[in-house]
Amino acid sequence: MRLPLLALLASLAACEGAADQVSSPSPETYSIARADLWNPEPQDICRAADPAFLDTALQRVRDVLPADHIESLEFHDFNVTDPAPSGEREANLRFWFVDNTGAREMWTANAPFVADECSVGEMVVGKGSSVLAHDPDQIIVAP
């Protein structure tokens, strides 16, 4: 009776060790929501490859906004469009910002995006929830 019990315990221990070796699945999305920032591991492709990816993009936006309001910038989300027939994609970074009028408004930064490299090109930053809603008088370019 003792031998089968030991065999059972040994097989359970082996299964437990194998479960510890299973890696988590690779991220399959470029999207980053505000709530994702609290996950222990990045759930998106770009931050999994480069943990500073989002910080770098946000810093580029901070660099072109009025310095006296930078602390009001609050990340909302980041997503990438599906490829156009030409294969091109666009990155869309949305954030809340309190401008010099004191109003808290949604702003966006839109840029060409190279998926293989998680590379964000020159950004067009403006007030509005999408590039179509940008106020033409408030567009800023972030190199």
N, C-alpha and C. Protein backbone atom coordinates (compact mmCIF):
# COMPACT_ATOMS: atom_id res chain seq x y z
N MET A 1 0.82 -1.20 0.00
CA MET A 1 0.00 0.00 0.00
C MET A 1 0.86 1.26 0.00
N ARG A 2 1.98 1.17 0.67
CA ARG A 2 2.86 2.33 0.78
C ARG A 2 3.48 2.68 -0.57
N LEU A 3 3.86 1.70 -1.36
CA LEU A 3 4.49 1.92 -2.65
C LEU A 3 3.57 2.67 -3.63
N PRO A 4 2.27 2.27 -3.79
CA PRO A 4 1.39 3.03 -4.68
C PRO A 4 1.19 4.47 -4.19
N LEU A 5 1.15 4.68 -2.90
CA LEU A 5 0.97 6.03 -2.36
C LEU A 5 2.18 6.90 -2.71
N LEU A 6 3.39 6.33 -2.58
CA LEU A 6 4.60 7.07 -2.93
C LEU A 6 4.63 7.39 -4.42
N ALA A 7 4.21 6.42 -5.25
CA ALA A 7 4.17 6.65 -6.69
C ALA A 7 3.19 7.77 -7.04
N LEU A 8 2.05 7.77 -6.37
CA LEU A 8 1.05 8.81 -6.60
C LEU A 8 1.60 10.18 -6.20
N LEU A 9 2.24 10.26 -5.05
CA LEU A 9 2.82 11.52 -4.60
C LEU A 9 3.92 11.99 -5.55
N ALA A 10 4.73 11.08 -6.04
CA ALA A 10 5.80 11.43 -6.97
C ALA A 10 5.23 11.97 -8.28
N SER A 11 4.16 11.35 -8.78
CA SER A 11 3.57 11.82 -10.04
C SER A 11 2.91 13.18 -9.86
N LEU A 12 2.28 13.41 -8.71
CA LEU A 12 1.70 14.73 -8.43
C LEU A 12 2.77 15.79 -8.36
N ALA A 13 3.88 15.47 -7.71
CA ALA A 13 4.99 16.42 -7.62
C ALA A 13 5.54 16.75 -9.00
N ALA A 14 5.64 15.75 -9.87
CA ALA A 14 6.14 15.97 -11.22
C ALA A 14 5.19 16.88 -12.00
N CYS A 15 3.90 16.67 -11.85
CA CYS A 15 2.92 17.52 -12.54
C CYS A 15 3.00 18.95 -12.03
N GLU A 16 3.17 19.11 -10.74
CA GLU A 16 3.25 20.44 -10.16
C GLU A 16 4.47 21.17 -10.70
N GLY A 17 5.61 20.48 -10.80
CA GLY A 17 6.82 21.08 -11.34
C GLY A 17 6.66 21.47 -12.79
N ALA A 18 5.96 20.64 -13.56
CA ALA A 18 5.72 20.94 -14.98
C ALA A 18 4.83 22.16 -15.12
N ALA A 19 3.86 22.31 -14.23
CA ALA A 19 2.96 23.46 -14.30
C ALA A 19 3.73 24.75 -14.02
N ASP A 20 4.72 24.70 -13.15
CA ASP A 20 5.52 25.87 -12.87
C ASP A 20 6.34 26.30 -14.07
N GLN A 21 6.69 25.35 -14.96
CA GLN A 21 7.54 25.64 -16.11
C GLN A 21 6.76 26.16 -17.31
N VAL A 22 5.45 26.09 -17.27
CA VAL A 22 4.63 26.59 -18.38
C VAL A 22 4.69 28.11 -18.37
N SER A 23 5.11 28.68 -19.48
CA SER A 23 5.20 30.13 -19.54
C SER A 23 3.84 30.71 -19.92
N SER A 24 3.66 31.96 -19.55
CA SER A 24 2.41 32.63 -19.89
C SER A 24 2.41 32.89 -21.39
N PRO A 25 1.22 32.96 -21.99
CA PRO A 25 1.17 33.19 -23.44
C PRO A 25 1.73 34.56 -23.80
N SER A 26 2.27 34.65 -24.98
CA SER A 26 2.80 35.92 -25.47
C SER A 26 1.65 36.87 -25.75
N PRO A 27 1.86 38.15 -25.47
CA PRO A 27 0.81 39.13 -25.78
C PRO A 27 0.51 39.14 -27.28
N GLU A 28 -0.73 39.38 -27.63
CA GLU A 28 -1.13 39.39 -29.04
C GLU A 28 -1.81 40.69 -29.45
N THR A 29 -1.67 41.73 -28.64
CA THR A 29 -2.33 42.99 -28.95
C THR A 29 -1.37 44.15 -28.76
N TYR A 30 -1.66 45.25 -29.44
CA TYR A 30 -0.91 46.48 -29.24
C TYR A 30 -1.66 47.42 -28.31
N SER A 31 -2.88 47.09 -27.95
CA SER A 31 -3.72 47.98 -27.14
C SER A 31 -3.27 48.00 -25.69
N ILE A 32 -3.31 49.21 -25.12
CA ILE A 32 -2.99 49.40 -23.70
C ILE A 32 -4.10 50.28 -23.12
N ALA A 33 -4.82 49.76 -22.16
CA ALA A 33 -5.85 50.54 -21.45
C ALA A 33 -5.25 51.02 -20.14
N ARG A 34 -5.85 52.03 -19.56
CA ARG A 34 -5.36 52.57 -18.28
C ARG A 34 -5.28 51.47 -17.22
N ALA A 35 -6.28 50.60 -17.16
CA ALA A 35 -6.30 49.53 -16.16
C ALA A 35 -5.16 48.54 -16.36
N ASP A 36 -4.66 48.42 -17.60
CA ASP A 36 -3.56 47.49 -17.88
C ASP A 36 -2.26 47.89 -17.17
N LEU A 37 -2.15 49.15 -16.78
CA LEU A 37 -0.92 49.62 -16.16
C LEU A 37 -0.68 48.96 -14.81
N TRP A 38 -1.71 48.37 -14.21
CA TRP A 38 -1.57 47.73 -12.91
C TRP A 38 -1.36 46.23 -13.00
N ASN A 39 -1.37 45.67 -14.20
CA ASN A 39 -1.10 44.23 -14.35
C ASN A 39 0.36 43.95 -14.02
N PRO A 40 0.63 42.83 -13.36
CA PRO A 40 2.03 42.52 -13.02
C PRO A 40 2.91 42.33 -14.25
N GLU A 41 2.35 41.82 -15.33
CA GLU A 41 3.07 41.63 -16.59
C GLU A 41 2.34 42.37 -17.70
N PRO A 42 3.07 42.99 -18.63
CA PRO A 42 2.40 43.68 -19.75
C PRO A 42 1.56 42.70 -20.56
N GLN A 43 0.39 43.14 -20.96
CA GLN A 43 -0.51 42.32 -21.77
C GLN A 43 -0.46 42.75 -23.24
N ASP A 44 0.45 43.65 -23.57
CA ASP A 44 0.57 44.14 -24.95
C ASP A 44 1.97 43.84 -25.49
N ILE A 45 2.06 43.77 -26.78
CA ILE A 45 3.30 43.38 -27.46
C ILE A 45 4.44 44.36 -27.19
N CYS A 46 4.18 45.65 -27.28
CA CYS A 46 5.26 46.63 -27.20
C CYS A 46 5.87 46.74 -25.81
N ARG A 47 5.06 46.78 -24.76
CA ARG A 47 5.63 46.86 -23.40
C ARG A 47 6.26 45.53 -22.99
N ALA A 48 5.78 44.42 -23.56
CA ALA A 48 6.43 43.13 -23.27
C ALA A 48 7.85 43.13 -23.85
N ALA A 49 8.03 43.75 -25.01
CA ALA A 49 9.34 43.83 -25.65
C ALA A 49 10.21 44.93 -25.03
N ASP A 50 9.58 46.04 -24.65
CA ASP A 50 10.31 47.19 -24.10
C ASP A 50 9.45 47.82 -23.00
N PRO A 51 9.76 47.54 -21.74
CA PRO A 51 8.95 48.07 -20.64
C PRO A 51 8.82 49.60 -20.65
N ALA A 52 9.75 50.30 -21.26
CA ALA A 52 9.70 51.77 -21.29
C ALA A 52 8.93 52.31 -22.49
N PHE A 53 8.34 51.43 -23.31
CA PHE A 53 7.66 51.86 -24.54
C PHE A 53 6.65 52.98 -24.29
N LEU A 54 5.71 52.77 -23.39
CA LEU A 54 4.66 53.75 -23.15
C LEU A 54 5.21 55.02 -22.52
N ASP A 55 6.13 54.89 -21.58
CA ASP A 55 6.74 56.06 -20.95
C ASP A 55 7.44 56.93 -22.00
N THR A 56 8.12 56.29 -22.94
CA THR A 56 8.81 57.02 -23.99
C THR A 56 7.82 57.79 -24.87
N ALA A 57 6.72 57.14 -25.25
CA ALA A 57 5.71 57.81 -26.07
C ALA A 57 5.09 58.99 -25.31
N LEU A 58 4.77 58.77 -24.04
CA LEU A 58 4.18 59.86 -23.25
C LEU A 58 5.16 61.01 -23.05
N GLN A 59 6.44 60.70 -22.90
CA GLN A 59 7.43 61.76 -22.74
C GLN A 59 7.54 62.61 -24.00
N ARG A 60 7.43 61.99 -25.16
CA ARG A 60 7.44 62.76 -26.41
C ARG A 60 6.29 63.74 -26.45
N VAL A 61 5.13 63.33 -25.93
CA VAL A 61 3.97 64.24 -25.88
C VAL A 61 4.23 65.34 -24.86
N ARG A 62 4.73 64.97 -23.68
CA ARG A 62 5.02 65.98 -22.64
C ARG A 62 5.98 67.05 -23.16
N ASP A 63 6.94 66.63 -23.98
CA ASP A 63 7.96 67.55 -24.48
C ASP A 63 7.39 68.66 -25.35
N VAL A 64 6.21 68.48 -25.91
CA VAL A 64 5.64 69.53 -26.79
C VAL A 64 4.46 70.26 -26.18
N LEU A 65 4.00 69.84 -25.01
CA LEU A 65 2.88 70.52 -24.36
C LEU A 65 3.40 71.64 -23.47
N PRO A 66 2.55 72.61 -23.14
CA PRO A 66 2.99 73.70 -22.26
C PRO A 66 3.53 73.17 -20.93
N ALA A 67 4.74 73.58 -20.60
CA ALA A 67 5.44 73.05 -19.42
C ALA A 67 4.67 73.27 -18.12
N ASP A 68 3.93 74.35 -18.02
CA ASP A 68 3.24 74.64 -16.76
C ASP A 68 2.00 73.77 -16.55
N HIS A 69 1.67 72.90 -17.50
CA HIS A 69 0.50 72.03 -17.35
C HIS A 69 0.85 70.54 -17.48
N ILE A 70 2.12 70.23 -17.60
CA ILE A 70 2.55 68.84 -17.83
C ILE A 70 2.04 67.89 -16.76
N GLU A 71 2.03 68.32 -15.50
CA GLU A 71 1.61 67.41 -14.43
C GLU A 71 0.15 67.00 -14.56
N SER A 72 -0.61 67.70 -15.38
CA SER A 72 -2.03 67.35 -15.54
C SER A 72 -2.25 66.26 -16.58
N LEU A 73 -1.22 65.89 -17.35
CA LEU A 73 -1.38 64.85 -18.36
C LEU A 73 -1.68 63.52 -17.69
N GLU A 74 -2.75 62.88 -18.13
CA GLU A 74 -3.20 61.61 -17.55
C GLU A 74 -3.48 60.62 -18.68
N PHE A 75 -2.73 59.54 -18.73
CA PHE A 75 -2.88 58.53 -19.78
C PHE A 75 -4.30 57.96 -19.78
N HIS A 76 -4.87 57.78 -20.98
CA HIS A 76 -6.19 57.14 -21.12
C HIS A 76 -6.06 55.78 -21.81
N ASP A 77 -5.53 55.74 -23.04
CA ASP A 77 -5.31 54.46 -23.71
C ASP A 77 -4.40 54.63 -24.92
N PHE A 78 -3.96 53.49 -25.43
CA PHE A 78 -3.11 53.44 -26.62
C PHE A 78 -3.62 52.29 -27.47
N ASN A 79 -3.78 52.53 -28.75
CA ASN A 79 -4.15 51.43 -29.65
C ASN A 79 -3.54 51.67 -31.02
N VAL A 80 -3.56 50.62 -31.80
CA VAL A 80 -3.00 50.66 -33.15
C VAL A 80 -4.08 50.18 -34.11
N THR A 81 -4.23 50.90 -35.21
CA THR A 81 -5.24 50.52 -36.21
C THR A 81 -4.83 49.23 -36.91
N ASP A 82 -5.82 48.54 -37.43
CA ASP A 82 -5.53 47.38 -38.28
C ASP A 82 -4.82 47.89 -39.53
N PRO A 83 -4.01 47.05 -40.16
CA PRO A 83 -3.29 47.51 -41.34
C PRO A 83 -4.23 47.95 -42.46
N ALA A 84 -3.89 49.06 -43.08
CA ALA A 84 -4.61 49.51 -44.27
C ALA A 84 -4.19 48.59 -45.43
N PRO A 85 -4.88 48.65 -46.57
CA PRO A 85 -4.47 47.83 -47.71
C PRO A 85 -2.99 48.03 -48.07
N SER A 86 -2.47 49.21 -47.79
CA SER A 86 -1.05 49.48 -48.08
C SER A 86 -0.13 48.84 -47.03
N GLY A 87 -0.72 48.33 -45.95
CA GLY A 87 0.08 47.73 -44.88
C GLY A 87 0.41 48.70 -43.76
N GLU A 88 0.07 49.96 -43.96
CA GLU A 88 0.38 50.98 -42.95
C GLU A 88 -0.57 50.90 -41.77
N ARG A 89 -0.03 51.21 -40.61
CA ARG A 89 -0.81 51.26 -39.37
C ARG A 89 -0.62 52.62 -38.73
N GLU A 90 -1.55 52.95 -37.82
CA GLU A 90 -1.45 54.22 -37.10
C GLU A 90 -1.59 53.97 -35.61
N ALA A 91 -0.72 54.60 -34.84
CA ALA A 91 -0.80 54.54 -33.38
C ALA A 91 -1.67 55.70 -32.91
N ASN A 92 -2.52 55.42 -31.92
CA ASN A 92 -3.39 56.44 -31.34
C ASN A 92 -3.20 56.42 -29.82
N LEU A 93 -2.67 57.49 -29.30
CA LEU A 93 -2.45 57.64 -27.86
C LEU A 93 -3.42 58.70 -27.37
N ARG A 94 -4.33 58.32 -26.47
CA ARG A 94 -5.29 59.29 -25.94
C ARG A 94 -4.94 59.58 -24.49
N PHE A 95 -5.11 60.84 -24.11
CA PHE A 95 -4.80 61.25 -22.74
C PHE A 95 -5.67 62.44 -22.36
N TRP A 96 -5.84 62.60 -21.07
CA TRP A 96 -6.55 63.76 -20.53
C TRP A 96 -5.51 64.83 -20.24
N PHE A 97 -5.89 66.09 -20.47
CA PHE A 97 -4.96 67.19 -20.26
C PHE A 97 -5.74 68.42 -19.84
N VAL A 98 -5.23 69.11 -18.84
CA VAL A 98 -5.82 70.38 -18.42
C VAL A 98 -5.02 71.47 -19.11
N ASP A 99 -5.66 72.17 -20.02
CA ASP A 99 -4.94 73.20 -20.77
C ASP A 99 -4.94 74.53 -20.01
N ASN A 100 -4.46 75.58 -20.67
CA ASN A 100 -4.33 76.88 -20.00
C ASN A 100 -5.66 77.53 -19.65
N THR A 101 -6.77 76.98 -20.12
CA THR A 101 -8.08 77.50 -19.72
C THR A 101 -8.58 76.83 -18.45
N GLY A 102 -7.89 75.77 -18.01
CA GLY A 102 -8.30 75.04 -16.81
C GLY A 102 -9.27 73.91 -17.11
N ALA A 103 -9.61 73.72 -18.38
CA ALA A 103 -10.55 72.66 -18.75
C ALA A 103 -9.82 71.33 -18.92
N ARG A 104 -10.39 70.28 -18.34
CA ARG A 104 -9.84 68.92 -18.51
C ARG A 104 -10.48 68.32 -19.76
N GLU A 105 -9.66 68.08 -20.78
CA GLU A 105 -10.19 67.60 -22.04
C GLU A 105 -9.37 66.45 -22.58
N MET A 106 -10.02 65.64 -23.42
CA MET A 106 -9.34 64.53 -24.08
C MET A 106 -8.49 65.10 -25.21
N TRP A 107 -7.25 64.59 -25.28
CA TRP A 107 -6.33 64.93 -26.35
C TRP A 107 -5.86 63.63 -26.96
N THR A 108 -5.35 63.69 -28.18
CA THR A 108 -4.80 62.50 -28.83
C THR A 108 -3.46 62.83 -29.49
N ALA A 109 -2.67 61.79 -29.62
CA ALA A 109 -1.44 61.87 -30.39
C ALA A 109 -1.52 60.72 -31.39
N ASN A 110 -1.45 61.04 -32.66
CA ASN A 110 -1.55 60.05 -33.73
C ASN A 110 -0.25 60.04 -34.51
N ALA A 111 0.17 58.83 -34.90
CA ALA A 111 1.45 58.71 -35.60
C ALA A 111 1.48 57.44 -36.42
N PRO A 112 2.31 57.42 -37.47
CA PRO A 112 2.55 56.16 -38.18
C PRO A 112 3.16 55.15 -37.19
N PHE A 113 2.87 53.88 -37.40
CA PHE A 113 3.33 52.84 -36.48
C PHE A 113 3.90 51.68 -37.27
N VAL A 114 5.11 51.24 -36.91
CA VAL A 114 5.74 50.08 -37.52
C VAL A 114 5.64 48.94 -36.52
N ALA A 115 4.77 47.98 -36.82
CA ALA A 115 4.44 46.91 -35.87
C ALA A 115 5.64 46.04 -35.52
N ASP A 116 6.46 45.67 -36.49
CA ASP A 116 7.59 44.77 -36.24
C ASP A 116 8.58 45.34 -35.23
N GLU A 117 8.64 46.66 -35.17
CA GLU A 117 9.60 47.33 -34.30
C GLU A 117 8.95 48.04 -33.12
N CYS A 118 7.61 48.05 -33.07
CA CYS A 118 6.89 48.86 -32.08
C CYS A 118 7.40 50.30 -32.14
N SER A 119 7.51 50.80 -33.34
CA SER A 119 8.07 52.13 -33.57
C SER A 119 6.95 53.13 -33.86
N VAL A 120 6.93 54.21 -33.10
CA VAL A 120 5.95 55.28 -33.27
C VAL A 120 6.64 56.44 -33.98
N GLY A 121 6.11 56.82 -35.14
CA GLY A 121 6.70 57.90 -35.92
C GLY A 121 6.36 59.27 -35.36
N GLU A 122 6.51 60.28 -36.22
CA GLU A 122 6.22 61.65 -35.82
C GLU A 122 4.74 61.77 -35.43
N MET A 123 4.50 62.31 -34.25
CA MET A 123 3.13 62.40 -33.72
C MET A 123 2.49 63.75 -34.03
N VAL A 124 1.20 63.69 -34.34
CA VAL A 124 0.39 64.88 -34.44
C VAL A 124 -0.45 64.90 -33.17
N VAL A 125 -0.23 65.89 -32.33
CA VAL A 125 -0.89 65.98 -31.03
C VAL A 125 -1.93 67.09 -31.09
N GLY A 126 -3.13 66.80 -30.61
CA GLY A 126 -4.16 67.82 -30.64
C GLY A 126 -5.30 67.52 -29.71
N LYS A 127 -6.08 68.55 -29.46
CA LYS A 127 -7.25 68.44 -28.60
C LYS A 127 -8.34 67.70 -29.36
N GLY A 128 -8.98 66.74 -28.72
CA GLY A 128 -10.05 65.97 -29.33
C GLY A 128 -9.85 64.49 -29.07
N SER A 129 -10.92 63.73 -29.15
CA SER A 129 -10.86 62.30 -28.84
C SER A 129 -10.34 61.45 -29.99
N SER A 130 -10.17 62.05 -31.16
CA SER A 130 -9.60 61.34 -32.31
C SER A 130 -8.96 62.36 -33.22
N VAL A 131 -8.18 61.89 -34.18
CA VAL A 131 -7.53 62.79 -35.11
C VAL A 131 -8.57 63.60 -35.89
N LEU A 132 -9.73 63.04 -36.12
CA LEU A 132 -10.78 63.77 -36.84
C LEU A 132 -11.37 64.89 -36.01
N ALA A 133 -11.24 64.79 -34.68
CA ALA A 133 -11.81 65.80 -33.80
C ALA A 133 -10.80 66.87 -33.39
N HIS A 134 -9.56 66.78 -33.90
CA HIS A 134 -8.55 67.77 -33.52
C HIS A 134 -9.00 69.18 -33.88
N ASP A 135 -8.76 70.09 -32.97
CA ASP A 135 -8.97 71.51 -33.22
C ASP A 135 -7.79 71.97 -34.08
N PRO A 136 -8.01 72.38 -35.32
CA PRO A 136 -6.89 72.74 -36.21
C PRO A 136 -5.97 73.82 -35.65
N ASP A 137 -6.50 74.65 -34.75
CA ASP A 137 -5.69 75.71 -34.17
C ASP A 137 -4.82 75.22 -33.02
N GLN A 138 -5.01 73.98 -32.60
CA GLN A 138 -4.28 73.48 -31.43
C GLN A 138 -3.44 72.23 -31.75
N ILE A 139 -3.11 72.03 -33.01
CA ILE A 139 -2.31 70.87 -33.40
C ILE A 139 -0.83 71.16 -33.15
N ILE A 140 -0.14 70.20 -32.54
CA ILE A 140 1.29 70.30 -32.25
C ILE A 140 1.94 69.05 -32.84
N VAL A 141 3.14 69.17 -33.37
CA VAL A 141 3.86 68.02 -33.90
C VAL A 141 4.94 67.62 -32.91
N ALA A 142 4.96 66.32 -32.56
CA ALA A 142 5.99 65.78 -31.66
C ALA A 142 6.91 64.89 -32.46
N PRO A 143 8.13 65.34 -32.69
CA PRO A 143 9.07 64.54 -33.50
C PRO A 143 9.42 63.21 -32.84
